[in-house]
């Protein structure tokens, strides 16, 4: 069990977060699982990333079907742009299609800068 609850406090030894930032993690074998060796051990080179509660497939579906109303922007936390997109009906379709392509190309994501939630 090497996970930590989401908080603003550094966890797993991470002081900064993002691709290419690593720290050591202290892991513990779960109860009921037999193991040879210590039940608590250090795992090196654990990548320091934070994950949002936003899922990529949900963002794509919202952008495809409700993007002209800015619902995709609201979902991802870009509320100001969402209102603007809603009032202009997706920039008469231009911003709607642009946002869809930006999502598919990975250039547009959650506003807080965190990674997509893994959905499996």
PDB file of N, CA and C in Angstrom:
ATOM      1  N   UNK A   1       0.865  -1.161   0.000  1.00  0.00           N
ATOM      2  CA  UNK A   1       0.000   0.000   0.000  1.00  0.00           C
ATOM      3  C   UNK A   1       0.910   1.222   0.000  1.00  0.00           C
ATOM      4  N   UNK A   2       1.159   1.784  -1.167  1.00  0.00           N
ATOM      5  CA  UNK A   2       2.086   2.894  -1.309  1.00  0.00           C
ATOM      6  C   UNK A   2       1.372   4.197  -1.633  1.00  0.00           C
ATOM      7  N   UNK A   3       0.084   4.269  -1.427  1.00  0.00           N
ATOM      8  CA  UNK A   3      -0.674   5.467  -1.760  1.00  0.00           C
ATOM      9  C   UNK A   3      -0.830   6.362  -0.552  1.00  0.00           C
ATOM     10  N   UNK A   4      -1.051   7.636  -0.806  1.00  0.00           N
ATOM     11  CA  UNK A   4      -1.313   8.593   0.257  1.00  0.00           C
ATOM     12  C   UNK A   4      -2.559   9.387  -0.106  1.00  0.00           C
ATOM     13  N   UNK A   5      -3.256   9.861   0.900  1.00  0.00           N
ATOM     14  CA  UNK A   5      -4.432  10.686   0.648  1.00  0.00           C
ATOM     15  C   UNK A   5      -4.011  12.005   0.031  1.00  0.00           C
ATOM     16  N   UNK A   6      -4.868  12.561  -0.830  1.00  0.00           N
ATOM     17  CA  UNK A   6      -4.597  13.838  -1.469  1.00  0.00           C
ATOM     18  C   UNK A   6      -4.657  14.957  -0.444  1.00  0.00           C
ATOM     19  N   UNK A   7      -3.629  15.758  -0.385  1.00  0.00           N
ATOM     20  CA  UNK A   7      -3.609  16.916   0.492  1.00  0.00           C
ATOM     21  C   UNK A   7      -2.609  17.906  -0.067  1.00  0.00           C
ATOM     22  N   UNK A   8      -2.545  19.068   0.510  1.00  0.00           N
ATOM     23  CA  UNK A   8      -1.580  20.069   0.090  1.00  0.00           C
ATOM     24  C   UNK A   8      -0.224  19.827   0.734  1.00  0.00           C
ATOM     25  N   UNK A   9      -0.162  18.966   1.739  1.00  0.00           N
ATOM     26  CA  UNK A   9       1.097  18.656   2.403  1.00  0.00           C
ATOM     27  C   UNK A   9       1.923  17.733   1.507  1.00  0.00           C
ATOM     28  N   UNK A  10       3.240  17.877   1.513  1.00  0.00           N
ATOM     29  CA  UNK A  10       4.074  16.961   0.741  1.00  0.00           C
ATOM     30  C   UNK A  10       3.912  15.530   1.252  1.00  0.00           C
ATOM     31  N   UNK A  11       3.875  14.577   0.364  1.00  0.00           N
ATOM     32  CA  UNK A  11       3.789  13.179   0.764  1.00  0.00           C
ATOM     33  C   UNK A  11       4.786  12.358  -0.040  1.00  0.00           C
ATOM     34  N   UNK A  12       5.123  11.213   0.481  1.00  0.00           N
ATOM     35  CA  UNK A  12       6.096  10.306  -0.119  1.00  0.00           C
ATOM     36  C   UNK A  12       7.444  10.989  -0.332  1.00  0.00           C
ATOM     37  N   UNK A  13       7.739  12.016   0.443  1.00  0.00           N
ATOM     38  CA  UNK A  13       9.002  12.716   0.311  1.00  0.00           C
ATOM     39  C   UNK A  13       9.043  13.731  -0.809  1.00  0.00           C
ATOM     40  N   UNK A  14       7.918  13.958  -1.494  1.00  0.00           N
ATOM     41  CA  UNK A  14       7.888  14.899  -2.613  1.00  0.00           C
ATOM     42  C   UNK A  14       7.753  16.330  -2.111  1.00  0.00           C
ATOM     43  N   UNK A  15       8.644  17.181  -2.555  1.00  0.00           N
ATOM     44  CA  UNK A  15       8.547  18.618  -2.280  1.00  0.00           C
ATOM     45  C   UNK A  15       7.999  19.354  -3.489  1.00  0.00           C
ATOM     46  N   UNK A  16       8.261  18.827  -4.692  1.00  0.00           N
ATOM     47  CA  UNK A  16       7.731  19.363  -5.941  1.00  0.00           C
ATOM     48  C   UNK A  16       7.042  18.208  -6.662  1.00  0.00           C
ATOM     49  N   UNK A  17       6.194  18.539  -7.633  1.00  0.00           N
ATOM     50  CA  UNK A  17       5.453  17.517  -8.352  1.00  0.00           C
ATOM     51  C   UNK A  17       5.587  17.743  -9.846  1.00  0.00           C
ATOM     52  N   UNK A  18       5.524  16.669 -10.609  1.00  0.00           N
ATOM     53  CA  UNK A  18       5.550  16.765 -12.057  1.00  0.00           C
ATOM     54  C   UNK A  18       6.400  15.679 -12.670  1.00  0.00           C
ATOM     55  N   UNK A  19       6.349  15.585 -13.993  1.00  0.00           N
ATOM     56  CA  UNK A  19       7.167  14.584 -14.682  1.00  0.00           C
ATOM     57  C   UNK A  19       8.643  14.849 -14.441  1.00  0.00           C
ATOM     58  N   UNK A  20       9.397  13.820 -14.185  1.00  0.00           N
ATOM     59  CA  UNK A  20      10.827  13.947 -13.975  1.00  0.00           C
ATOM     60  C   UNK A  20      11.227  14.295 -12.552  1.00  0.00           C
ATOM     61  N   UNK A  21      10.268  14.379 -11.618  1.00  0.00           N
ATOM     62  CA  UNK A  21      10.567  14.662 -10.217  1.00  0.00           C
ATOM     63  C   UNK A  21      10.347  13.368  -9.442  1.00  0.00           C
ATOM     64  N   UNK A  22      11.372  12.913  -8.729  1.00  0.00           N
ATOM     65  CA  UNK A  22      11.318  11.618  -8.059  1.00  0.00           C
ATOM     66  C   UNK A  22      11.632  11.750  -6.569  1.00  0.00           C
ATOM     67  N   UNK A  23      11.145  10.783  -5.801  1.00  0.00           N
ATOM     68  CA  UNK A  23      11.435  10.715  -4.367  1.00  0.00           C
ATOM     69  C   UNK A  23      11.392   9.243  -3.960  1.00  0.00           C
ATOM     70  N   UNK A  24      11.811   8.953  -2.742  1.00  0.00           N
ATOM     71  CA  UNK A  24      11.703   7.608  -2.191  1.00  0.00           C
ATOM     72  C   UNK A  24      10.374   7.471  -1.466  1.00  0.00           C
ATOM     73  N   UNK A  25       9.790   6.295  -1.520  1.00  0.00           N
ATOM     74  CA  UNK A  25       8.514   6.048  -0.855  1.00  0.00           C
ATOM     75  C   UNK A  25       8.670   4.914   0.145  1.00  0.00           C
ATOM     76  N   UNK A  26       8.025   5.057   1.285  1.00  0.00           N
ATOM     77  CA  UNK A  26       7.996   4.005   2.288  1.00  0.00           C
ATOM     78  C   UNK A  26       6.711   3.198   2.068  1.00  0.00           C
ATOM     79  N   UNK A  27       6.862   1.917   1.810  1.00  0.00           N
ATOM     80  CA  UNK A  27       5.711   1.057   1.530  1.00  0.00           C
ATOM     81  C   UNK A  27       5.577  -0.020   2.610  1.00  0.00           C
ATOM     82  N   UNK A  28       4.353  -0.478   2.805  1.00  0.00           N
ATOM     83  CA  UNK A  28       4.078  -1.494   3.812  1.00  0.00           C
ATOM     84  C   UNK A  28       3.231  -2.595   3.184  1.00  0.00           C
ATOM     85  N   UNK A  29       3.607  -3.843   3.449  1.00  0.00           N
ATOM     86  CA  UNK A  29       2.843  -4.987   2.956  1.00  0.00           C
ATOM     87  C   UNK A  29       1.513  -5.041   3.701  1.00  0.00           C
ATOM     88  N   UNK A  30       0.414  -5.243   2.972  1.00  0.00           N
ATOM     89  CA  UNK A  30      -0.911  -5.295   3.583  1.00  0.00           C
ATOM     90  C   UNK A  30      -1.056  -6.499   4.500  1.00  0.00           C
ATOM     91  N   UNK A  31      -1.907  -6.361   5.501  1.00  0.00           N
ATOM     92  CA  UNK A  31      -2.204  -7.462   6.416  1.00  0.00           C
ATOM     93  C   UNK A  31      -2.785  -8.639   5.631  1.00  0.00           C
ATOM     94  N   UNK A  32      -2.445  -9.842   6.047  1.00  0.00           N
ATOM     95  CA  UNK A  32      -2.980 -11.038   5.404  1.00  0.00           C
ATOM     96  C   UNK A  32      -2.157 -11.500   4.210  1.00  0.00           C
ATOM     97  N   UNK A  33      -1.126 -10.752   3.853  1.00  0.00           N
ATOM     98  CA  UNK A  33      -0.265 -11.150   2.743  1.00  0.00           C
ATOM     99  C   UNK A  33       1.062 -11.597   3.329  1.00  0.00           C
ATOM    100  N   UNK A  34       1.430 -12.812   3.019  1.00  0.00           N
ATOM    101  CA  UNK A  34       2.693 -13.345   3.515  1.00  0.00           C
ATOM    102  C   UNK A  34       3.846 -12.820   2.678  1.00  0.00           C
ATOM    103  N   UNK A  35       4.965 -12.565   3.320  1.00  0.00           N
ATOM    104  CA  UNK A  35       6.130 -12.099   2.577  1.00  0.00           C
ATOM    105  C   UNK A  35       7.394 -12.554   3.294  1.00  0.00           C
ATOM    106  N   UNK A  36       8.470 -12.619   2.530  1.00  0.00           N
ATOM    107  CA  UNK A  36       9.774 -12.939   3.081  1.00  0.00           C
ATOM    108  C   UNK A  36      10.535 -11.610   3.151  1.00  0.00           C
ATOM    109  N   UNK A  37      11.017 -11.286   4.325  1.00  0.00           N
ATOM    110  CA  UNK A  37      11.725 -10.022   4.481  1.00  0.00           C
ATOM    111  C   UNK A  37      10.881  -9.030   5.275  1.00  0.00           C
ATOM    112  N   UNK A  38      11.334  -7.795   5.328  1.00  0.00           N
ATOM    113  CA  UNK A  38      10.634  -6.793   6.141  1.00  0.00           C
ATOM    114  C   UNK A  38       9.276  -6.423   5.547  1.00  0.00           C
ATOM    115  N   UNK A  39       8.322  -6.102   6.416  1.00  0.00           N
ATOM    116  CA  UNK A  39       6.976  -5.723   5.974  1.00  0.00           C
ATOM    117  C   UNK A  39       6.913  -4.248   5.583  1.00  0.00           C
ATOM    118  N   UNK A  40       7.875  -3.475   6.020  1.00  0.00           N
ATOM    119  CA  UNK A  40       7.971  -2.068   5.624  1.00  0.00           C
ATOM    120  C   UNK A  40       9.293  -1.904   4.897  1.00  0.00           C
ATOM    121  N   UNK A  41       9.265  -1.292   3.721  1.00  0.00           N
ATOM    122  CA  UNK A  41      10.472  -1.158   2.918  1.00  0.00           C
ATOM    123  C   UNK A  41      10.417   0.144   2.119  1.00  0.00           C
ATOM    124  N   UNK A  42      11.550   0.561   1.606  1.00  0.00           N
ATOM    125  CA  UNK A  42      11.688   1.795   0.839  1.00  0.00           C
ATOM    126  C   UNK A  42      11.727   1.451  -0.648  1.00  0.00           C
ATOM    127  N   UNK A  43      10.934   2.168  -1.418  1.00  0.00           N
ATOM    128  CA  UNK A  43      10.957   2.040  -2.879  1.00  0.00           C
ATOM    129  C   UNK A  43      11.556   3.331  -3.413  1.00  0.00           C
ATOM    130  N   UNK A  44      12.631   3.218  -4.163  1.00  0.00           N
ATOM    131  CA  UNK A  44      13.293   4.408  -4.709  1.00  0.00           C
ATOM    132  C   UNK A  44      12.724   4.822  -6.055  1.00  0.00           C
ATOM    133  N   UNK A  45      12.978   6.056  -6.416  1.00  0.00           N
ATOM    134  CA  UNK A  45      12.575   6.625  -7.702  1.00  0.00           C
ATOM    135  C   UNK A  45      11.072   6.544  -7.960  1.00  0.00           C
ATOM    136  N   UNK A  46      10.283   6.946  -6.977  1.00  0.00           N
ATOM    137  CA  UNK A  46       8.829   7.026  -7.101  1.00  0.00           C
ATOM    138  C   UNK A  46       8.517   8.377  -7.729  1.00  0.00           C
ATOM    139  N   UNK A  47       7.823   8.402  -8.864  1.00  0.00           N
ATOM    140  CA  UNK A  47       7.567   9.672  -9.547  1.00  0.00           C
ATOM    141  C   UNK A  47       6.543  10.500  -8.782  1.00  0.00           C
ATOM    142  N   UNK A  48       6.843  11.763  -8.576  1.00  0.00           N
ATOM    143  CA  UNK A  48       5.983  12.670  -7.807  1.00  0.00           C
ATOM    144  C   UNK A  48       4.961  13.330  -8.729  1.00  0.00           C
ATOM    145  N   UNK A  49       3.759  12.809  -8.733  1.00  0.00           N
ATOM    146  CA  UNK A  49       2.677  13.380  -9.534  1.00  0.00           C
ATOM    147  C   UNK A  49       1.426  13.445  -8.685  1.00  0.00           C
ATOM    148  N   UNK A  50       0.597  14.423  -8.957  1.00  0.00           N
ATOM    149  CA  UNK A  50      -0.708  14.519  -8.300  1.00  0.00           C
ATOM    150  C   UNK A  50      -1.784  14.300  -9.347  1.00  0.00           C
ATOM    151  N   UNK A  51      -2.825  13.596  -8.942  1.00  0.00           N
ATOM    152  CA  UNK A  51      -3.901  13.281  -9.867  1.00  0.00           C
ATOM    153  C   UNK A  51      -5.172  14.003  -9.455  1.00  0.00           C
ATOM    154  N   UNK A  52      -5.869  14.534 -10.454  1.00  0.00           N
ATOM    155  CA  UNK A  52      -7.147  15.209 -10.193  1.00  0.00           C
ATOM    156  C   UNK A  52      -8.251  14.158 -10.190  1.00  0.00           C
ATOM    157  N   UNK A  53      -9.469  14.586  -9.973  1.00  0.00           N
ATOM    158  CA  UNK A  53     -10.606  13.664 -10.042  1.00  0.00           C
ATOM    159  C   UNK A  53     -11.293  13.765 -11.395  1.00  0.00           C
ATOM    160  N   UNK A  54     -10.575  14.265 -12.399  1.00  0.00           N
ATOM    161  CA  UNK A  54     -11.116  14.414 -13.755  1.00  0.00           C
ATOM    162  C   UNK A  54     -10.632  13.268 -14.624  1.00  0.00           C
ATOM    163  N   UNK A  55     -11.563  12.696 -15.389  1.00  0.00           N
ATOM    164  CA  UNK A  55     -11.215  11.573 -16.259  1.00  0.00           C
ATOM    165  C   UNK A  55     -11.246  12.007 -17.720  1.00  0.00           C
ATOM    166  N   UNK A  56     -10.244  11.571 -18.479  1.00  0.00           N
ATOM    167  CA  UNK A  56     -10.126  11.940 -19.886  1.00  0.00           C
ATOM    168  C   UNK A  56     -11.340  11.509 -20.717  1.00  0.00           C
ATOM    169  N   UNK A  57     -11.822  10.261 -20.608  1.00  0.00           N
ATOM    170  CA  UNK A  57     -12.989   9.873 -21.424  1.00  0.00           C
ATOM    171  C   UNK A  57     -14.220  10.739 -21.148  1.00  0.00           C
ATOM    172  N   UNK A  58     -14.439  11.113 -19.893  1.00  0.00           N
ATOM    173  CA  UNK A  58     -15.571  11.973 -19.551  1.00  0.00           C
ATOM    174  C   UNK A  58     -15.418  13.334 -20.210  1.00  0.00           C
ATOM    175  N   UNK A  59     -14.212  13.884 -20.182  1.00  0.00           N
ATOM    176  CA  UNK A  59     -13.964  15.190 -20.794  1.00  0.00           C
ATOM    177  C   UNK A  59     -14.207  15.148 -22.303  1.00  0.00           C
ATOM    178  N   UNK A  60     -13.801  14.067 -22.949  1.00  0.00           N
ATOM    179  CA  UNK A  60     -14.003  13.936 -24.398  1.00  0.00           C
ATOM    180  C   UNK A  60     -15.493  13.878 -24.725  1.00  0.00           C
ATOM    181  N   UNK A  61     -16.249  13.062 -23.993  1.00  0.00           N
ATOM    182  CA  UNK A  61     -17.695  12.934 -24.253  1.00  0.00           C
ATOM    183  C   UNK A  61     -18.397  14.269 -24.015  1.00  0.00           C
ATOM    184  N   UNK A  62     -18.054  14.948 -22.913  1.00  0.00           N
ATOM    185  CA  UNK A  62     -18.664  16.251 -22.645  1.00  0.00           C
ATOM    186  C   UNK A  62     -18.304  17.262 -23.723  1.00  0.00           C
ATOM    187  N   UNK A  63     -17.058  17.254 -24.173  1.00  0.00           N
ATOM    188  CA  UNK A  63     -16.644  18.190 -25.208  1.00  0.00           C
ATOM    189  C   UNK A  63     -17.343  17.907 -26.532  1.00  0.00           C
ATOM    190  N   UNK A  64     -17.491  16.649 -26.851  1.00  0.00           N
ATOM    191  CA  UNK A  64     -18.115  16.273 -28.118  1.00  0.00           C
ATOM    192  C   UNK A  64     -19.589  16.648 -28.162  1.00  0.00           C
ATOM    193  N   UNK A  65     -20.332  16.328 -27.093  1.00  0.00           N
ATOM    194  CA  UNK A  65     -21.780  16.515 -27.120  1.00  0.00           C
ATOM    195  C   UNK A  65     -22.267  17.829 -26.500  1.00  0.00           C
ATOM    196  N   UNK A  66     -21.543  18.373 -25.527  1.00  0.00           N
ATOM    197  CA  UNK A  66     -21.992  19.600 -24.856  1.00  0.00           C
ATOM    198  C   UNK A  66     -20.938  20.702 -24.878  1.00  0.00           C
ATOM    199  N   UNK A  67     -19.921  20.538 -25.697  1.00  0.00           N
ATOM    200  CA  UNK A  67     -18.844  21.513 -25.767  1.00  0.00           C
ATOM    201  C   UNK A  67     -19.288  22.878 -26.232  1.00  0.00           C
ATOM    202  N   UNK A  68     -20.308  22.939 -27.092  1.00  0.00           N
ATOM    203  CA  UNK A  68     -20.779  24.238 -27.568  1.00  0.00           C
ATOM    204  C   UNK A  68     -21.416  25.058 -26.449  1.00  0.00           C
ATOM    205  N   UNK A  69     -21.766  24.406 -25.332  1.00  0.00           N
ATOM    206  CA  UNK A  69     -22.305  25.111 -24.166  1.00  0.00           C
ATOM    207  C   UNK A  69     -21.232  25.370 -23.102  1.00  0.00           C
ATOM    208  N   UNK A  70     -20.021  24.940 -23.357  1.00  0.00           N
ATOM    209  CA  UNK A  70     -18.937  25.171 -22.414  1.00  0.00           C
ATOM    210  C   UNK A  70     -18.902  24.203 -21.257  1.00  0.00           C
ATOM    211  N   UNK A  71     -19.705  23.152 -21.308  1.00  0.00           N
ATOM    212  CA  UNK A  71     -19.777  22.190 -20.200  1.00  0.00           C
ATOM    213  C   UNK A  71     -18.422  21.515 -19.978  1.00  0.00           C
ATOM    214  N   UNK A  72     -17.678  21.264 -21.047  1.00  0.00           N
ATOM    215  CA  UNK A  72     -16.349  20.656 -20.904  1.00  0.00           C
ATOM    216  C   UNK A  72     -15.411  21.562 -20.114  1.00  0.00           C
ATOM    217  N   UNK A  73     -15.501  22.862 -20.349  1.00  0.00           N
ATOM    218  CA  UNK A  73     -14.659  23.812 -19.616  1.00  0.00           C
ATOM    219  C   UNK A  73     -15.047  23.861 -18.129  1.00  0.00           C
ATOM    220  N   UNK A  74     -16.342  23.827 -17.848  1.00  0.00           N
ATOM    221  CA  UNK A  74     -16.792  23.795 -16.449  1.00  0.00           C
ATOM    222  C   UNK A  74     -16.282  22.534 -15.762  1.00  0.00           C
ATOM    223  N   UNK A  75     -16.384  21.385 -16.431  1.00  0.00           N
ATOM    224  CA  UNK A  75     -15.944  20.114 -15.866  1.00  0.00           C
ATOM    225  C   UNK A  75     -14.465  20.151 -15.496  1.00  0.00           C
ATOM    226  N   UNK A  76     -13.655  20.785 -16.334  1.00  0.00           N
ATOM    227  CA  UNK A  76     -12.210  20.821 -16.111  1.00  0.00           C
ATOM    228  C   UNK A  76     -11.769  21.960 -15.206  1.00  0.00           C
ATOM    229  N   UNK A  77     -12.710  22.809 -14.769  1.00  0.00           N
ATOM    230  CA  UNK A  77     -12.389  23.870 -13.829  1.00  0.00           C
ATOM    231  C   UNK A  77     -12.096  25.219 -14.452  1.00  0.00           C
ATOM    232  N   UNK A  78     -12.244  25.344 -15.754  1.00  0.00           N
ATOM    233  CA  UNK A  78     -12.034  26.609 -16.455  1.00  0.00           C
ATOM    234  C   UNK A  78     -13.368  27.345 -16.543  1.00  0.00           C
ATOM    235  N   UNK A  79     -13.883  27.807 -15.410  1.00  0.00           N
ATOM    236  CA  UNK A  79     -15.242  28.350 -15.358  1.00  0.00           C
ATOM    237  C   UNK A  79     -15.407  29.657 -16.131  1.00  0.00           C
ATOM    238  N   UNK A  80     -14.424  30.528 -16.085  1.00  0.00           N
ATOM    239  CA  UNK A  80     -14.517  31.792 -16.828  1.00  0.00           C
ATOM    240  C   UNK A  80     -14.660  31.551 -18.318  1.00  0.00           C
ATOM    241  N   UNK A  81     -13.815  30.658 -18.841  1.00  0.00           N
ATOM    242  CA  UNK A  81     -13.909  30.307 -20.254  1.00  0.00           C
ATOM    243  C   UNK A  81     -15.216  29.568 -20.549  1.00  0.00           C
ATOM    244  N   UNK A  82     -15.683  28.791 -19.579  1.00  0.00           N
ATOM    245  CA  UNK A  82     -16.946  28.069 -19.763  1.00  0.00           C
ATOM    246  C   UNK A  82     -18.108  29.013 -19.951  1.00  0.00           C
ATOM    247  N   UNK A  83     -18.170  30.073 -19.148  1.00  0.00           N
ATOM    248  CA  UNK A  83     -19.243  31.069 -19.287  1.00  0.00           C
ATOM    249  C   UNK A  83     -19.139  31.759 -20.640  1.00  0.00           C
ATOM    250  N   UNK A  84     -17.935  32.159 -21.008  1.00  0.00           N
ATOM    251  CA  UNK A  84     -17.729  32.834 -22.292  1.00  0.00           C
ATOM    252  C   UNK A  84     -18.119  31.929 -23.453  1.00  0.00           C
ATOM    253  N   UNK A  85     -17.735  30.666 -23.369  1.00  0.00           N
ATOM    254  CA  UNK A  85     -18.061  29.703 -24.420  1.00  0.00           C
ATOM    255  C   UNK A  85     -19.565  29.457 -24.488  1.00  0.00           C
ATOM    256  N   UNK A  86     -20.223  29.452 -23.318  1.00  0.00           N
ATOM    257  CA  UNK A  86     -21.671  29.240 -23.281  1.00  0.00           C
ATOM    258  C   UNK A  86     -22.412  30.420 -23.916  1.00  0.00           C
ATOM    259  N   UNK A  87     -21.991  31.632 -23.583  1.00  0.00           N
ATOM    260  CA  UNK A  87     -22.669  32.818 -24.094  1.00  0.00           C
ATOM    261  C   UNK A  87     -22.508  32.997 -25.597  1.00  0.00           C
ATOM    262  N   UNK A  88     -21.426  32.451 -26.148  1.00  0.00           N
ATOM    263  CA  UNK A  88     -21.186  32.587 -27.591  1.00  0.00           C
ATOM    264  C   UNK A  88     -21.492  31.300 -28.358  1.00  0.00           C
ATOM    265  N   UNK A  89     -22.122  30.335 -27.670  1.00  0.00           N
ATOM    266  CA  UNK A  89     -22.408  29.017 -28.259  1.00  0.00           C
ATOM    267  C   UNK A  89     -21.149  28.399 -28.874  1.00  0.00           C
ATOM    268  N   UNK A  90     -20.121  28.346 -28.065  1.00  0.00           N
ATOM    269  CA  UNK A  90     -18.870  27.723 -28.495  1.00  0.00           C
ATOM    270  C   UNK A  90     -18.148  28.544 -29.540  1.00  0.00           C
ATOM    271  N   UNK A  91     -18.298  29.873 -29.464  1.00  0.00           N
ATOM    272  CA  UNK A  91     -17.656  30.724 -30.482  1.00  0.00           C
ATOM    273  C   UNK A  91     -18.182  30.394 -31.853  1.00  0.00           C
ATOM    274  N   UNK A  92     -19.516  30.173 -31.911  1.00  0.00           N
ATOM    275  CA  UNK A  92     -20.195  29.762 -33.146  1.00  0.00           C
ATOM    276  C   UNK A  92     -19.574  28.500 -33.732  1.00  0.00           C
ATOM    277  N   UNK A  93     -19.131  27.633 -32.856  1.00  0.00           N
ATOM    278  CA  UNK A  93     -18.592  26.328 -33.260  1.00  0.00           C
ATOM    279  C   UNK A  93     -17.077  26.275 -33.341  1.00  0.00           C
ATOM    280  N   UNK A  94     -16.421  27.436 -33.437  1.00  0.00           N
ATOM    281  CA  UNK A  94     -14.964  27.449 -33.610  1.00  0.00           C
ATOM    282  C   UNK A  94     -14.265  26.970 -32.346  1.00  0.00           C
ATOM    283  N   UNK A  95     -14.599  27.526 -31.177  1.00  0.00           N
ATOM    284  CA  UNK A  95     -13.954  27.128 -29.919  1.00  0.00           C
ATOM    285  C   UNK A  95     -14.352  25.711 -29.524  1.00  0.00           C
ATOM    286  N   UNK A  96     -15.553  25.325 -29.901  1.00  0.00           N
ATOM    287  CA  UNK A  96     -16.021  23.968 -29.611  1.00  0.00           C
ATOM    288  C   UNK A  96     -15.093  22.946 -30.283  1.00  0.00           C
ATOM    289  N   UNK A  97     -14.874  23.113 -31.586  1.00  0.00           N
ATOM    290  CA  UNK A  97     -14.020  22.181 -32.338  1.00  0.00           C
ATOM    291  C   UNK A  97     -12.563  22.309 -31.879  1.00  0.00           C
ATOM    292  N   UNK A  98     -12.129  23.543 -31.625  1.00  0.00           N
ATOM    293  CA  UNK A  98     -10.752  23.763 -31.168  1.00  0.00           C
ATOM    294  C   UNK A  98     -10.491  23.049 -29.855  1.00  0.00           C
ATOM    295  N   UNK A  99     -11.405  23.189 -28.890  1.00  0.00           N
ATOM    296  CA  UNK A  99     -11.227  22.518 -27.600  1.00  0.00           C
ATOM    297  C   UNK A  99     -11.218  21.005 -27.750  1.00  0.00           C
ATOM    298  N   UNK A 100     -12.050  20.477 -28.618  1.00  0.00           N
ATOM    299  CA  UNK A 100     -12.079  19.031 -28.845  1.00  0.00           C
ATOM    300  C   UNK A 100     -10.721  18.554 -29.357  1.00  0.00           C
ATOM    301  N   UNK A 101     -10.151  19.264 -30.326  1.00  0.00           N
ATOM    302  CA  UNK A 101      -8.831  18.892 -30.847  1.00  0.00           C
ATOM    303  C   UNK A 101      -7.741  19.073 -29.796  1.00  0.00           C
ATOM    304  N   UNK A 102      -7.824  20.146 -28.995  1.00  0.00           N
ATOM    305  CA  UNK A 102      -6.827  20.357 -27.943  1.00  0.00           C
ATOM    306  C   UNK A 102      -6.869  19.229 -26.908  1.00  0.00           C
ATOM    307  N   UNK A 103      -8.068  18.767 -26.570  1.00  0.00           N
ATOM    308  CA  UNK A 103      -8.192  17.629 -25.650  1.00  0.00           C
ATOM    309  C   UNK A 103      -7.566  16.376 -26.249  1.00  0.00           C
ATOM    310  N   UNK A 104      -7.897  16.099 -27.494  1.00  0.00           N
ATOM    311  CA  UNK A 104      -7.387  14.892 -28.149  1.00  0.00           C
ATOM    312  C   UNK A 104      -5.867  14.925 -28.312  1.00  0.00           C
ATOM    313  N   UNK A 105      -5.300  16.109 -28.493  1.00  0.00           N
ATOM    314  CA  UNK A 105      -3.854  16.239 -28.660  1.00  0.00           C
ATOM    315  C   UNK A 105      -3.106  16.353 -27.332  1.00  0.00           C
ATOM    316  N   UNK A 106      -3.855  16.419 -26.214  1.00  0.00           N
ATOM    317  CA  UNK A 106      -3.227  16.495 -24.901  1.00  0.00           C
ATOM    318  C   UNK A 106      -2.733  17.881 -24.520  1.00  0.00           C
ATOM    319  N   UNK A 107      -3.221  18.907 -25.180  1.00  0.00           N
ATOM    320  CA  UNK A 107      -2.788  20.278 -24.904  1.00  0.00           C
ATOM    321  C   UNK A 107      -3.713  21.006 -23.941  1.00  0.00           C
ATOM    322  N   UNK A 108      -4.766  20.354 -23.482  1.00  0.00           N
ATOM    323  CA  UNK A 108      -5.790  20.980 -22.654  1.00  0.00           C
ATOM    324  C   UNK A 108      -6.225  19.960 -21.620  1.00  0.00           C
ATOM    325  N   UNK A 109      -6.206  20.331 -20.344  1.00  0.00           N
ATOM    326  CA  UNK A 109      -6.555  19.389 -19.289  1.00  0.00           C
ATOM    327  C   UNK A 109      -7.116  20.096 -18.073  1.00  0.00           C
ATOM    328  N   UNK A 110      -7.106  19.435 -16.924  1.00  0.00           N
ATOM    329  CA  UNK A 110      -7.639  20.024 -15.699  1.00  0.00           C
ATOM    330  C   UNK A 110      -6.955  21.337 -15.348  1.00  0.00           C
ATOM    331  N   UNK A 111      -7.734  22.293 -14.876  1.00  0.00           N
ATOM    332  CA  UNK A 111      -7.252  23.641 -14.582  1.00  0.00           C
ATOM    333  C   UNK A 111      -6.201  23.662 -13.485  1.00  0.00           C
ATOM    334  N   UNK A 112      -6.292  22.736 -12.540  1.00  0.00           N
ATOM    335  CA  UNK A 112      -5.351  22.733 -11.415  1.00  0.00           C
ATOM    336  C   UNK A 112      -3.977  22.193 -11.789  1.00  0.00           C
ATOM    337  N   UNK A 113      -3.788  21.781 -13.036  1.00  0.00           N
ATOM    338  CA  UNK A 113      -2.494  21.311 -13.501  1.00  0.00           C
ATOM    339  C   UNK A 113      -2.153  19.887 -13.112  1.00  0.00           C
ATOM    340  N   UNK A 114      -3.082  19.192 -12.467  1.00  0.00           N
ATOM    341  CA  UNK A 114      -2.831  17.810 -12.049  1.00  0.00           C
ATOM    342  C   UNK A 114      -3.050  16.863 -13.221  1.00  0.00           C
ATOM    343  N   UNK A 115      -2.622  15.642 -13.038  1.00  0.00           N
ATOM    344  CA  UNK A 115      -2.765  14.618 -14.066  1.00  0.00           C
ATOM    345  C   UNK A 115      -4.201  14.110 -14.116  1.00  0.00           C
ATOM    346  N   UNK A 116      -4.592  13.523 -15.255  1.00  0.00           N
ATOM    347  CA  UNK A 116      -5.901  12.889 -15.375  1.00  0.00           C
ATOM    348  C   UNK A 116      -5.995  11.730 -14.405  1.00  0.00           C
ATOM    349  N   UNK A 117      -7.183  11.473 -13.873  1.00  0.00           N
ATOM    350  CA  UNK A 117      -7.412  10.285 -13.042  1.00  0.00           C
ATOM    351  C   UNK A 117      -7.377   9.069 -13.934  1.00  0.00           C
ATOM    352  N   UNK A 118      -6.689   8.042 -13.481  1.00  0.00           N
ATOM    353  CA  UNK A 118      -6.635   6.793 -14.224  1.00  0.00           C
ATOM    354  C   UNK A 118      -7.971   6.085 -14.031  1.00  0.00           C
ATOM    355  N   UNK A 119      -8.609   5.672 -15.116  1.00  0.00           N
ATOM    356  CA  UNK A 119      -9.971   5.161 -14.989  1.00  0.00           C
ATOM    357  C   UNK A 119     -10.077   3.650 -15.191  1.00  0.00           C
ATOM    358  N   UNK A 120      -9.112   2.895 -14.711  1.00  0.00           N
ATOM    359  CA  UNK A 120      -9.270   1.432 -14.703  1.00  0.00           C
ATOM    360  C   UNK A 120      -9.078   0.900 -13.339  1.00  0.00           C
TER     361      UNK A 120
END
